[in-house]
């Protein structure tokens, strides 16, 4: 699978986010957890990759089956809701 640069950037961003599970990346981009790990290894400096792996290993929010909640799969509960395109009306 060939990914565009913008897709790679988004995958890296989603992988760094604590509350975005690997299943969300699989759903949106078709990459399994192991493929995301390989992509992160390739795209990041070795020290950054080690820090990221240490952070996500065993983190319940990164694995849907380990999460204690069902709602908000793609969105943090603290994230502001956008309604009626209110951001562009500022």
PDB file of N, CA and C in Angstrom:
ATOM      1  N   UNK A   1       0.841  -1.181   0.000  1.00  0.00           N
ATOM      2  CA  UNK A   1       0.000   0.000   0.000  1.00  0.00           C
ATOM      3  C   UNK A   1       0.887   1.245   0.000  1.00  0.00           C
ATOM      4  N   UNK A   2       0.617   2.145  -0.921  1.00  0.00           N
ATOM      5  CA  UNK A   2       1.371   3.386  -1.018  1.00  0.00           C
ATOM      6  C   UNK A   2       0.536   4.493  -0.392  1.00  0.00           C
ATOM      7  N   UNK A   3       1.123   5.181   0.588  1.00  0.00           N
ATOM      8  CA  UNK A   3       0.428   6.254   1.285  1.00  0.00           C
ATOM      9  C   UNK A   3       0.985   7.606   0.853  1.00  0.00           C
ATOM     10  N   UNK A   4       0.119   8.587   0.783  1.00  0.00           N
ATOM     11  CA  UNK A   4       0.555   9.950   0.491  1.00  0.00           C
ATOM     12  C   UNK A   4       1.168  10.546   1.750  1.00  0.00           C
ATOM     13  N   UNK A   5       1.951  11.593   1.577  1.00  0.00           N
ATOM     14  CA  UNK A   5       2.623  12.238   2.704  1.00  0.00           C
ATOM     15  C   UNK A   5       1.620  12.737   3.731  1.00  0.00           C
ATOM     16  N   UNK A   6       0.511  13.307   3.261  1.00  0.00           N
ATOM     17  CA  UNK A   6      -0.506  13.816   4.210  1.00  0.00           C
ATOM     18  C   UNK A   6      -1.118  12.671   5.017  1.00  0.00           C
ATOM     19  N   UNK A   7      -1.273  11.497   4.401  1.00  0.00           N
ATOM     20  CA  UNK A   7      -1.809  10.342   5.121  1.00  0.00           C
ATOM     21  C   UNK A   7      -0.815   9.847   6.163  1.00  0.00           C
ATOM     22  N   UNK A   8       0.452   9.804   5.800  1.00  0.00           N
ATOM     23  CA  UNK A   8       1.493   9.385   6.749  1.00  0.00           C
ATOM     24  C   UNK A   8       1.526  10.336   7.929  1.00  0.00           C
ATOM     25  N   UNK A   9       1.460  11.642   7.664  1.00  0.00           N
ATOM     26  CA  UNK A   9       1.450  12.630   8.743  1.00  0.00           C
ATOM     27  C   UNK A   9       0.257  12.422   9.666  1.00  0.00           C
ATOM     28  N   UNK A  10      -0.911  12.139   9.102  1.00  0.00           N
ATOM     29  CA  UNK A  10      -2.117  11.934   9.913  1.00  0.00           C
ATOM     30  C   UNK A  10      -2.029  10.656  10.737  1.00  0.00           C
ATOM     31  N   UNK A  11      -1.467   9.612  10.140  1.00  0.00           N
ATOM     32  CA  UNK A  11      -1.304   8.348  10.878  1.00  0.00           C
ATOM     33  C   UNK A  11      -0.358   8.545  12.057  1.00  0.00           C
ATOM     34  N   UNK A  12       0.751   9.232  11.838  1.00  0.00           N
ATOM     35  CA  UNK A  12       1.704   9.504  12.924  1.00  0.00           C
ATOM     36  C   UNK A  12       1.017  10.322  14.016  1.00  0.00           C
ATOM     37  N   UNK A  13       0.253  11.326  13.609  1.00  0.00           N
ATOM     38  CA  UNK A  13      -0.471  12.151  14.574  1.00  0.00           C
ATOM     39  C   UNK A  13      -1.460  11.313  15.382  1.00  0.00           C
ATOM     40  N   UNK A  14      -2.220  10.458  14.707  1.00  0.00           N
ATOM     41  CA  UNK A  14      -3.195   9.608  15.398  1.00  0.00           C
ATOM     42  C   UNK A  14      -2.504   8.617  16.329  1.00  0.00           C
ATOM     43  N   UNK A  15      -1.354   8.095  15.899  1.00  0.00           N
ATOM     44  CA  UNK A  15      -0.614   7.146  16.731  1.00  0.00           C
ATOM     45  C   UNK A  15      -0.105   7.811  18.009  1.00  0.00           C
ATOM     46  N   UNK A  16       0.261   9.089  17.927  1.00  0.00           N
ATOM     47  CA  UNK A  16       0.740   9.810  19.110  1.00  0.00           C
ATOM     48  C   UNK A  16      -0.387  10.162  20.072  1.00  0.00           C
ATOM     49  N   UNK A  17      -1.603  10.330  19.546  1.00  0.00           N
ATOM     50  CA  UNK A  17      -2.728  10.714  20.403  1.00  0.00           C
ATOM     51  C   UNK A  17      -3.062   9.578  21.368  1.00  0.00           C
ATOM     52  N   UNK A  18      -3.203   9.904  22.621  1.00  0.00           N
ATOM     53  CA  UNK A  18      -3.477   8.897  23.644  1.00  0.00           C
ATOM     54  C   UNK A  18      -4.827   8.225  23.476  1.00  0.00           C
ATOM     55  N   UNK A  19      -5.829   8.974  23.080  1.00  0.00           N
ATOM     56  CA  UNK A  19      -7.192   8.451  23.080  1.00  0.00           C
ATOM     57  C   UNK A  19      -7.646   7.922  21.721  1.00  0.00           C
ATOM     58  N   UNK A  20      -6.744   7.858  20.754  1.00  0.00           N
ATOM     59  CA  UNK A  20      -7.089   7.305  19.444  1.00  0.00           C
ATOM     60  C   UNK A  20      -6.597   5.869  19.386  1.00  0.00           C
ATOM     61  N   UNK A  21      -7.498   4.903  19.344  1.00  0.00           N
ATOM     62  CA  UNK A  21      -7.074   3.497  19.328  1.00  0.00           C
ATOM     63  C   UNK A  21      -6.513   3.091  17.960  1.00  0.00           C
ATOM     64  N   UNK A  22      -5.710   2.049  17.952  1.00  0.00           N
ATOM     65  CA  UNK A  22      -5.163   1.530  16.704  1.00  0.00           C
ATOM     66  C   UNK A  22      -6.285   1.116  15.756  1.00  0.00           C
ATOM     67  N   UNK A  23      -7.416   0.696  16.305  1.00  0.00           N
ATOM     68  CA  UNK A  23      -8.548   0.286  15.470  1.00  0.00           C
ATOM     69  C   UNK A  23      -9.073   1.446  14.637  1.00  0.00           C
ATOM     70  N   UNK A  24      -8.968   2.675  15.153  1.00  0.00           N
ATOM     71  CA  UNK A  24      -9.396   3.847  14.382  1.00  0.00           C
ATOM     72  C   UNK A  24      -8.483   4.056  13.181  1.00  0.00           C
ATOM     73  N   UNK A  25      -7.191   3.816  13.355  1.00  0.00           N
ATOM     74  CA  UNK A  25      -6.238   3.920  12.244  1.00  0.00           C
ATOM     75  C   UNK A  25      -6.531   2.828  11.218  1.00  0.00           C
ATOM     76  N   UNK A  26      -6.815   1.628  11.700  1.00  0.00           N
ATOM     77  CA  UNK A  26      -7.162   0.535  10.795  1.00  0.00           C
ATOM     78  C   UNK A  26      -8.430   0.870  10.015  1.00  0.00           C
ATOM     79  N   UNK A  27      -9.423   1.416  10.693  1.00  0.00           N
ATOM     80  CA  UNK A  27     -10.689   1.773  10.065  1.00  0.00           C
ATOM     81  C   UNK A  27     -10.497   2.824   8.976  1.00  0.00           C
ATOM     82  N   UNK A  28      -9.680   3.846   9.259  1.00  0.00           N
ATOM     83  CA  UNK A  28      -9.524   4.962   8.330  1.00  0.00           C
ATOM     84  C   UNK A  28      -8.501   4.708   7.230  1.00  0.00           C
ATOM     85  N   UNK A  29      -7.433   3.965   7.545  1.00  0.00           N
ATOM     86  CA  UNK A  29      -6.333   3.820   6.592  1.00  0.00           C
ATOM     87  C   UNK A  29      -6.030   2.374   6.202  1.00  0.00           C
ATOM     88  N   UNK A  30      -6.637   1.412   6.882  1.00  0.00           N
ATOM     89  CA  UNK A  30      -6.428   0.005   6.539  1.00  0.00           C
ATOM     90  C   UNK A  30      -5.119  -0.570   7.044  1.00  0.00           C
ATOM     91  N   UNK A  31      -4.436   0.123   7.963  1.00  0.00           N
ATOM     92  CA  UNK A  31      -3.177  -0.369   8.520  1.00  0.00           C
ATOM     93  C   UNK A  31      -3.427  -1.050   9.857  1.00  0.00           C
ATOM     94  N   UNK A  32      -2.911  -2.238  10.025  1.00  0.00           N
ATOM     95  CA  UNK A  32      -3.014  -2.944  11.306  1.00  0.00           C
ATOM     96  C   UNK A  32      -1.975  -2.378  12.270  1.00  0.00           C
ATOM     97  N   UNK A  33      -2.113  -2.729  13.531  1.00  0.00           N
ATOM     98  CA  UNK A  33      -1.219  -2.192  14.563  1.00  0.00           C
ATOM     99  C   UNK A  33       0.251  -2.418  14.223  1.00  0.00           C
ATOM    100  N   UNK A  34       0.596  -3.608  13.786  1.00  0.00           N
ATOM    101  CA  UNK A  34       2.003  -3.904  13.459  1.00  0.00           C
ATOM    102  C   UNK A  34       2.500  -3.028  12.308  1.00  0.00           C
ATOM    103  N   UNK A  35       1.649  -2.745  11.338  1.00  0.00           N
ATOM    104  CA  UNK A  35       2.022  -1.882  10.225  1.00  0.00           C
ATOM    105  C   UNK A  35       2.219  -0.440  10.695  1.00  0.00           C
ATOM    106  N   UNK A  36       1.401   0.003  11.655  1.00  0.00           N
ATOM    107  CA  UNK A  36       1.560   1.342  12.222  1.00  0.00           C
ATOM    108  C   UNK A  36       2.902   1.427  12.958  1.00  0.00           C
ATOM    109  N   UNK A  37       3.229   0.394  13.703  1.00  0.00           N
ATOM    110  CA  UNK A  37       4.508   0.357  14.426  1.00  0.00           C
ATOM    111  C   UNK A  37       5.667   0.442  13.436  1.00  0.00           C
ATOM    112  N   UNK A  38       5.588  -0.312  12.342  1.00  0.00           N
ATOM    113  CA  UNK A  38       6.645  -0.271  11.328  1.00  0.00           C
ATOM    114  C   UNK A  38       6.739   1.109  10.684  1.00  0.00           C
ATOM    115  N   UNK A  39       5.595   1.730  10.410  1.00  0.00           N
ATOM    116  CA  UNK A  39       5.581   3.074   9.841  1.00  0.00           C
ATOM    117  C   UNK A  39       6.208   4.077  10.801  1.00  0.00           C
ATOM    118  N   UNK A  40       5.849   3.976  12.074  1.00  0.00           N
ATOM    119  CA  UNK A  40       6.409   4.883  13.081  1.00  0.00           C
ATOM    120  C   UNK A  40       7.922   4.692  13.183  1.00  0.00           C
ATOM    121  N   UNK A  41       8.381   3.461  13.147  1.00  0.00           N
ATOM    122  CA  UNK A  41       9.814   3.184  13.209  1.00  0.00           C
ATOM    123  C   UNK A  41      10.546   3.841  12.027  1.00  0.00           C
ATOM    124  N   UNK A  42       9.915   3.777  10.850  1.00  0.00           N
ATOM    125  CA  UNK A  42      10.525   4.322   9.640  1.00  0.00           C
ATOM    126  C   UNK A  42      10.510   5.849   9.619  1.00  0.00           C
ATOM    127  N   UNK A  43       9.438   6.455  10.124  1.00  0.00           N
ATOM    128  CA  UNK A  43       9.241   7.897  10.016  1.00  0.00           C
ATOM    129  C   UNK A  43       9.862   8.707  11.156  1.00  0.00           C
ATOM    130  N   UNK A  44      10.191   8.061  12.251  1.00  0.00           N
ATOM    131  CA  UNK A  44      10.668   8.787  13.429  1.00  0.00           C
ATOM    132  C   UNK A  44      12.143   8.537  13.689  1.00  0.00           C
ATOM    133  N   UNK A  45      12.729   9.466  14.451  1.00  0.00           N
ATOM    134  CA  UNK A  45      14.100   9.240  14.922  1.00  0.00           C
ATOM    135  C   UNK A  45      14.057   8.067  15.891  1.00  0.00           C
ATOM    136  N   UNK A  46      15.147   7.308  15.995  1.00  0.00           N
ATOM    137  CA  UNK A  46      15.155   6.145  16.896  1.00  0.00           C
ATOM    138  C   UNK A  46      14.757   6.476  18.334  1.00  0.00           C
ATOM    139  N   UNK A  47      15.245   7.594  18.853  1.00  0.00           N
ATOM    140  CA  UNK A  47      14.915   7.943  20.241  1.00  0.00           C
ATOM    141  C   UNK A  47      13.429   8.284  20.394  1.00  0.00           C
ATOM    142  N   UNK A  48      12.865   8.961  19.398  1.00  0.00           N
ATOM    143  CA  UNK A  48      11.436   9.291  19.442  1.00  0.00           C
ATOM    144  C   UNK A  48      10.590   8.034  19.331  1.00  0.00           C
ATOM    145  N   UNK A  49      11.024   7.107  18.487  1.00  0.00           N
ATOM    146  CA  UNK A  49      10.289   5.855  18.342  1.00  0.00           C
ATOM    147  C   UNK A  49      10.292   5.079  19.661  1.00  0.00           C
ATOM    148  N   UNK A  50      11.450   4.985  20.305  1.00  0.00           N
ATOM    149  CA  UNK A  50      11.524   4.264  21.597  1.00  0.00           C
ATOM    150  C   UNK A  50      10.618   4.919  22.627  1.00  0.00           C
ATOM    151  N   UNK A  51      10.588   6.246  22.666  1.00  0.00           N
ATOM    152  CA  UNK A  51       9.735   6.960  23.615  1.00  0.00           C
ATOM    153  C   UNK A  51       8.255   6.672  23.311  1.00  0.00           C
ATOM    154  N   UNK A  52       7.892   6.685  22.034  1.00  0.00           N
ATOM    155  CA  UNK A  52       6.510   6.412  21.648  1.00  0.00           C
ATOM    156  C   UNK A  52       6.116   4.979  22.010  1.00  0.00           C
ATOM    157  N   UNK A  53       6.981   4.005  21.714  1.00  0.00           N
ATOM    158  CA  UNK A  53       6.674   2.601  22.019  1.00  0.00           C
ATOM    159  C   UNK A  53       6.490   2.402  23.519  1.00  0.00           C
ATOM    160  N   UNK A  54       7.341   3.027  24.303  1.00  0.00           N
ATOM    161  CA  UNK A  54       7.224   2.907  25.756  1.00  0.00           C
ATOM    162  C   UNK A  54       5.887   3.490  26.220  1.00  0.00           C
ATOM    163  N   UNK A  55       5.465   4.576  25.591  1.00  0.00           N
ATOM    164  CA  UNK A  55       4.217   5.242  25.949  1.00  0.00           C
ATOM    165  C   UNK A  55       2.991   4.415  25.604  1.00  0.00           C
ATOM    166  N   UNK A  56       2.954   3.827  24.407  1.00  0.00           N
ATOM    167  CA  UNK A  56       1.726   3.158  23.966  1.00  0.00           C
ATOM    168  C   UNK A  56       1.641   1.696  24.383  1.00  0.00           C
ATOM    169  N   UNK A  57       2.749   1.096  24.723  1.00  0.00           N
ATOM    170  CA  UNK A  57       2.714  -0.313  25.100  1.00  0.00           C
ATOM    171  C   UNK A  57       1.879  -0.497  26.364  1.00  0.00           C
ATOM    172  N   UNK A  58       0.838  -1.236  26.230  1.00  0.00           N
ATOM    173  CA  UNK A  58      -0.022  -1.519  27.372  1.00  0.00           C
ATOM    174  C   UNK A  58      -1.005  -0.420  27.718  1.00  0.00           C
ATOM    175  N   UNK A  59      -0.999   0.661  26.966  1.00  0.00           N
ATOM    176  CA  UNK A  59      -1.924   1.774  27.243  1.00  0.00           C
ATOM    177  C   UNK A  59      -3.330   1.351  26.820  1.00  0.00           C
ATOM    178  N   UNK A  60      -4.234   1.322  27.756  1.00  0.00           N
ATOM    179  CA  UNK A  60      -5.588   0.821  27.494  1.00  0.00           C
ATOM    180  C   UNK A  60      -6.312   1.632  26.435  1.00  0.00           C
ATOM    181  N   UNK A  61      -6.090   2.929  26.377  1.00  0.00           N
ATOM    182  CA  UNK A  61      -6.821   3.759  25.428  1.00  0.00           C
ATOM    183  C   UNK A  61      -6.376   3.543  23.987  1.00  0.00           C
ATOM    184  N   UNK A  62      -5.231   2.901  23.771  1.00  0.00           N
ATOM    185  CA  UNK A  62      -4.758   2.651  22.413  1.00  0.00           C
ATOM    186  C   UNK A  62      -5.288   1.335  21.849  1.00  0.00           C
ATOM    187  N   UNK A  63      -5.963   0.556  22.674  1.00  0.00           N
ATOM    188  CA  UNK A  63      -6.485  -0.737  22.242  1.00  0.00           C
ATOM    189  C   UNK A  63      -7.960  -0.813  22.616  1.00  0.00           C
ATOM    190  N   UNK A  64      -8.806  -0.891  21.625  1.00  0.00           N
ATOM    191  CA  UNK A  64     -10.248  -0.847  21.840  1.00  0.00           C
ATOM    192  C   UNK A  64     -10.728  -1.891  22.844  1.00  0.00           C
ATOM    193  N   UNK A  65     -10.177  -3.095  22.796  1.00  0.00           N
ATOM    194  CA  UNK A  65     -10.633  -4.159  23.691  1.00  0.00           C
ATOM    195  C   UNK A  65     -10.252  -3.906  25.147  1.00  0.00           C
ATOM    196  N   UNK A  66      -9.238  -3.081  25.384  1.00  0.00           N
ATOM    197  CA  UNK A  66      -8.801  -2.798  26.755  1.00  0.00           C
ATOM    198  C   UNK A  66      -9.475  -1.564  27.330  1.00  0.00           C
ATOM    199  N   UNK A  67     -10.201  -0.831  26.496  1.00  0.00           N
ATOM    200  CA  UNK A  67     -10.836   0.403  26.964  1.00  0.00           C
ATOM    201  C   UNK A  67     -12.001   0.082  27.881  1.00  0.00           C
ATOM    202  N   UNK A  68     -12.236   0.951  28.835  1.00  0.00           N
ATOM    203  CA  UNK A  68     -13.333   0.744  29.777  1.00  0.00           C
ATOM    204  C   UNK A  68     -14.593   1.479  29.354  1.00  0.00           C
ATOM    205  N   UNK A  69     -14.564   2.119  28.189  1.00  0.00           N
ATOM    206  CA  UNK A  69     -15.726   2.850  27.709  1.00  0.00           C
ATOM    207  C   UNK A  69     -15.936   2.553  26.231  1.00  0.00           C
ATOM    208  N   UNK A  70     -17.161   2.770  25.772  1.00  0.00           N
ATOM    209  CA  UNK A  70     -17.505   2.500  24.375  1.00  0.00           C
ATOM    210  C   UNK A  70     -17.672   3.773  23.565  1.00  0.00           C
ATOM    211  N   UNK A  71     -18.206   4.809  24.208  1.00  0.00           N
ATOM    212  CA  UNK A  71     -18.485   6.042  23.494  1.00  0.00           C
ATOM    213  C   UNK A  71     -17.190   6.796  23.191  1.00  0.00           C
ATOM    214  N   UNK A  72     -17.270   7.672  22.199  1.00  0.00           N
ATOM    215  CA  UNK A  72     -16.143   8.548  21.902  1.00  0.00           C
ATOM    216  C   UNK A  72     -14.960   7.842  21.283  1.00  0.00           C
ATOM    217  N   UNK A  73     -15.223   6.865  20.449  1.00  0.00           N
ATOM    218  CA  UNK A  73     -14.135   6.078  19.885  1.00  0.00           C
ATOM    219  C   UNK A  73     -13.135   6.935  19.123  1.00  0.00           C
ATOM    220  N   UNK A  74     -13.600   7.950  18.403  1.00  0.00           N
ATOM    221  CA  UNK A  74     -12.714   8.777  17.613  1.00  0.00           C
ATOM    222  C   UNK A  74     -12.498  10.158  18.232  1.00  0.00           C
ATOM    223  N   UNK A  75     -13.176  10.459  19.337  1.00  0.00           N
ATOM    224  CA  UNK A  75     -13.149  11.817  19.849  1.00  0.00           C
ATOM    225  C   UNK A  75     -13.088  11.822  21.371  1.00  0.00           C
ATOM    226  N   UNK A  76     -12.235  12.650  21.905  1.00  0.00           N
ATOM    227  CA  UNK A  76     -12.107  12.805  23.353  1.00  0.00           C
ATOM    228  C   UNK A  76     -13.333  13.546  23.886  1.00  0.00           C
ATOM    229  N   UNK A  77     -13.783  13.183  25.077  1.00  0.00           N
ATOM    230  CA  UNK A  77     -14.955  13.828  25.658  1.00  0.00           C
ATOM    231  C   UNK A  77     -14.696  15.304  25.970  1.00  0.00           C
ATOM    232  N   UNK A  78     -13.429  15.684  26.110  1.00  0.00           N
ATOM    233  CA  UNK A  78     -13.095  17.077  26.396  1.00  0.00           C
ATOM    234  C   UNK A  78     -12.992  17.914  25.125  1.00  0.00           C
ATOM    235  N   UNK A  79     -13.053  17.279  23.966  1.00  0.00           N
ATOM    236  CA  UNK A  79     -12.950  17.995  22.696  1.00  0.00           C
ATOM    237  C   UNK A  79     -14.232  18.756  22.421  1.00  0.00           C
ATOM    238  N   UNK A  80     -14.101  19.978  21.974  1.00  0.00           N
ATOM    239  CA  UNK A  80     -15.255  20.824  21.715  1.00  0.00           C
ATOM    240  C   UNK A  80     -16.038  20.331  20.502  1.00  0.00           C
ATOM    241  N   UNK A  81     -17.342  20.398  20.596  1.00  0.00           N
ATOM    242  CA  UNK A  81     -18.201  19.991  19.498  1.00  0.00           C
ATOM    243  C   UNK A  81     -18.324  21.140  18.513  1.00  0.00           C
ATOM    244  N   UNK A  82     -18.209  20.835  17.245  1.00  0.00           N
ATOM    245  CA  UNK A  82     -18.362  21.841  16.197  1.00  0.00           C
ATOM    246  C   UNK A  82     -19.761  21.700  15.625  1.00  0.00           C
ATOM    247  N   UNK A  83     -20.555  22.760  15.749  1.00  0.00           N
ATOM    248  CA  UNK A  83     -21.913  22.730  15.214  1.00  0.00           C
ATOM    249  C   UNK A  83     -22.138  23.947  14.341  1.00  0.00           C
ATOM    250  N   UNK A  84     -22.873  23.768  13.288  1.00  0.00           N
ATOM    251  CA  UNK A  84     -23.226  24.848  12.361  1.00  0.00           C
ATOM    252  C   UNK A  84     -22.008  25.633  11.892  1.00  0.00           C
ATOM    253  N   UNK A  85     -20.902  24.930  11.723  1.00  0.00           N
ATOM    254  CA  UNK A  85     -19.694  25.536  11.203  1.00  0.00           C
ATOM    255  C   UNK A  85     -19.284  26.769  12.002  1.00  0.00           C
ATOM    256  N   UNK A  86     -19.392  26.685  13.322  1.00  0.00           N
ATOM    257  CA  UNK A  86     -19.135  27.845  14.180  1.00  0.00           C
ATOM    258  C   UNK A  86     -17.704  28.329  14.138  1.00  0.00           C
ATOM    259  N   UNK A  87     -16.789  27.475  13.794  1.00  0.00           N
ATOM    260  CA  UNK A  87     -15.379  27.896  13.750  1.00  0.00           C
ATOM    261  C   UNK A  87     -15.171  28.917  12.640  1.00  0.00           C
ATOM    262  N   UNK A  88     -15.756  28.699  11.469  1.00  0.00           N
ATOM    263  CA  UNK A  88     -15.548  29.622  10.357  1.00  0.00           C
ATOM    264  C   UNK A  88     -16.320  30.936  10.541  1.00  0.00           C
ATOM    265  N   UNK A  89     -17.252  30.993  11.507  1.00  0.00           N
ATOM    266  CA  UNK A  89     -18.045  32.211  11.739  1.00  0.00           C
ATOM    267  C   UNK A  89     -17.376  33.173  12.714  1.00  0.00           C
ATOM    268  N   UNK A  90     -16.222  32.835  13.198  1.00  0.00           N
ATOM    269  CA  UNK A  90     -15.553  33.720  14.169  1.00  0.00           C
ATOM    270  C   UNK A  90     -15.009  34.944  13.513  1.00  0.00           C
TER     271      UNK A  90
END
